[in-house]
Amino acid sequence: MSATIVVDRASKWFGDTVAMGDVSFSVGPGVTGLLGHNGAGKSTLLKLLAGFSRPDEGTVRVLGHDPGREIEVYRRLGVVPDGDGLWPHLTARGAIEACARMRGVPDPADATRRVLERVDMTAAAERRLGGFSKGMKQRIKLAQALVHDPEVLLLDEPLNGLDPAQRRDVIRLIGELGAAGHTVLVSSHQLGEVERMAPQVLVMVNGRLVAEGTTAGIRDLLAERPRTVRVEVDAPPAVAQALIGEGLATSVRLEDGVLIAETGDVREFAVRLAVVARDAGTTLRAVEPVGEDLESVYAYLTDRARGAGR
């Protein structure tokens, strides 16, 4: 499988702010997820690949072309930007057909009809975009990106604003595009979304690529990270001693009568904690994970990448 997107040590900064630093990767046909928190550099990377801006260092190539300099790549590239970027006075059909004409599609009207059906927006085709909801606008942007049947698609948070049924349909469509041989790079800040769309994933944190591989592999990597668990029991010392003795916790401490345990295997900890409390002759009152927010996940991946000398 040849790479259709190649990024080589690309950096982008705005004044003193580094939006993206020394990023390198390559992807080929199929769906690849781009995972990261808000401000991680996902949109900056996609804008570089779309030719909306140029890297300050390094290179980006799409289908062997520099998207910032070689205009021929745009006939083979589809983009769903994060912002609206839609003409509110146009109808949905008019906005999509205009994109088809600009991309040189031989029969713009027929291509527009087919792509409206594909994103399930035929019923709203004659309505003006200014009255559309966020979810409806997202589907029109997707239709605009697809109308010329591009080889490469760059999708920036395409599920934003969609209801559950619409998310399911768009996820299915993205999967179909990847299976048909298109190269799809789709961004999200939610691992669960990426898992449903992409077998491969790139993880960005604070403008840097900190992990890449299969989506299942990234999930396993996150499952391996050390966890902190808050445990409320009637006899904390007895439970603490048992957790250490059975190897379920690497360290324990008491804070205001509450047991705080560090564990490297949160699944085994959760399965056996109730048994440990019972055997210690105490009552388990509450169990709560600490530091499970998305920022802590990305911080773990950042520290791991640094440790690997990335």
Foldseek 3Di string as FASTA:
>chain_A
DDFQKWWAQFWAADVPATQAGGATDTDFFFEEEEAEDVSLNLLVVLCQQCLVDHTPDTAIGGNNHRNVPDVVCVLQEFEQHPDLPFDQAAFLLVRLLVLCVVSPPPDSNVLSVVLCVLLVNPVRRRPGNNPDFPLVSLSSSVSSRPSSPHQEYEAEPSCPRPDPVSLVSVLVVLRVRRVVGHYYYYYDHDLVSCLSRGQWYFYGGSNYTLDIDGSVVLVVVLQQDKWKKKWQKPDVVQLQVLCVVVQQFPDWDDDPRIIITIGRHVVVCVVCSVVSCVVSVIDTDDMDTPQPDSVSSVVRSNVVSVVVVD
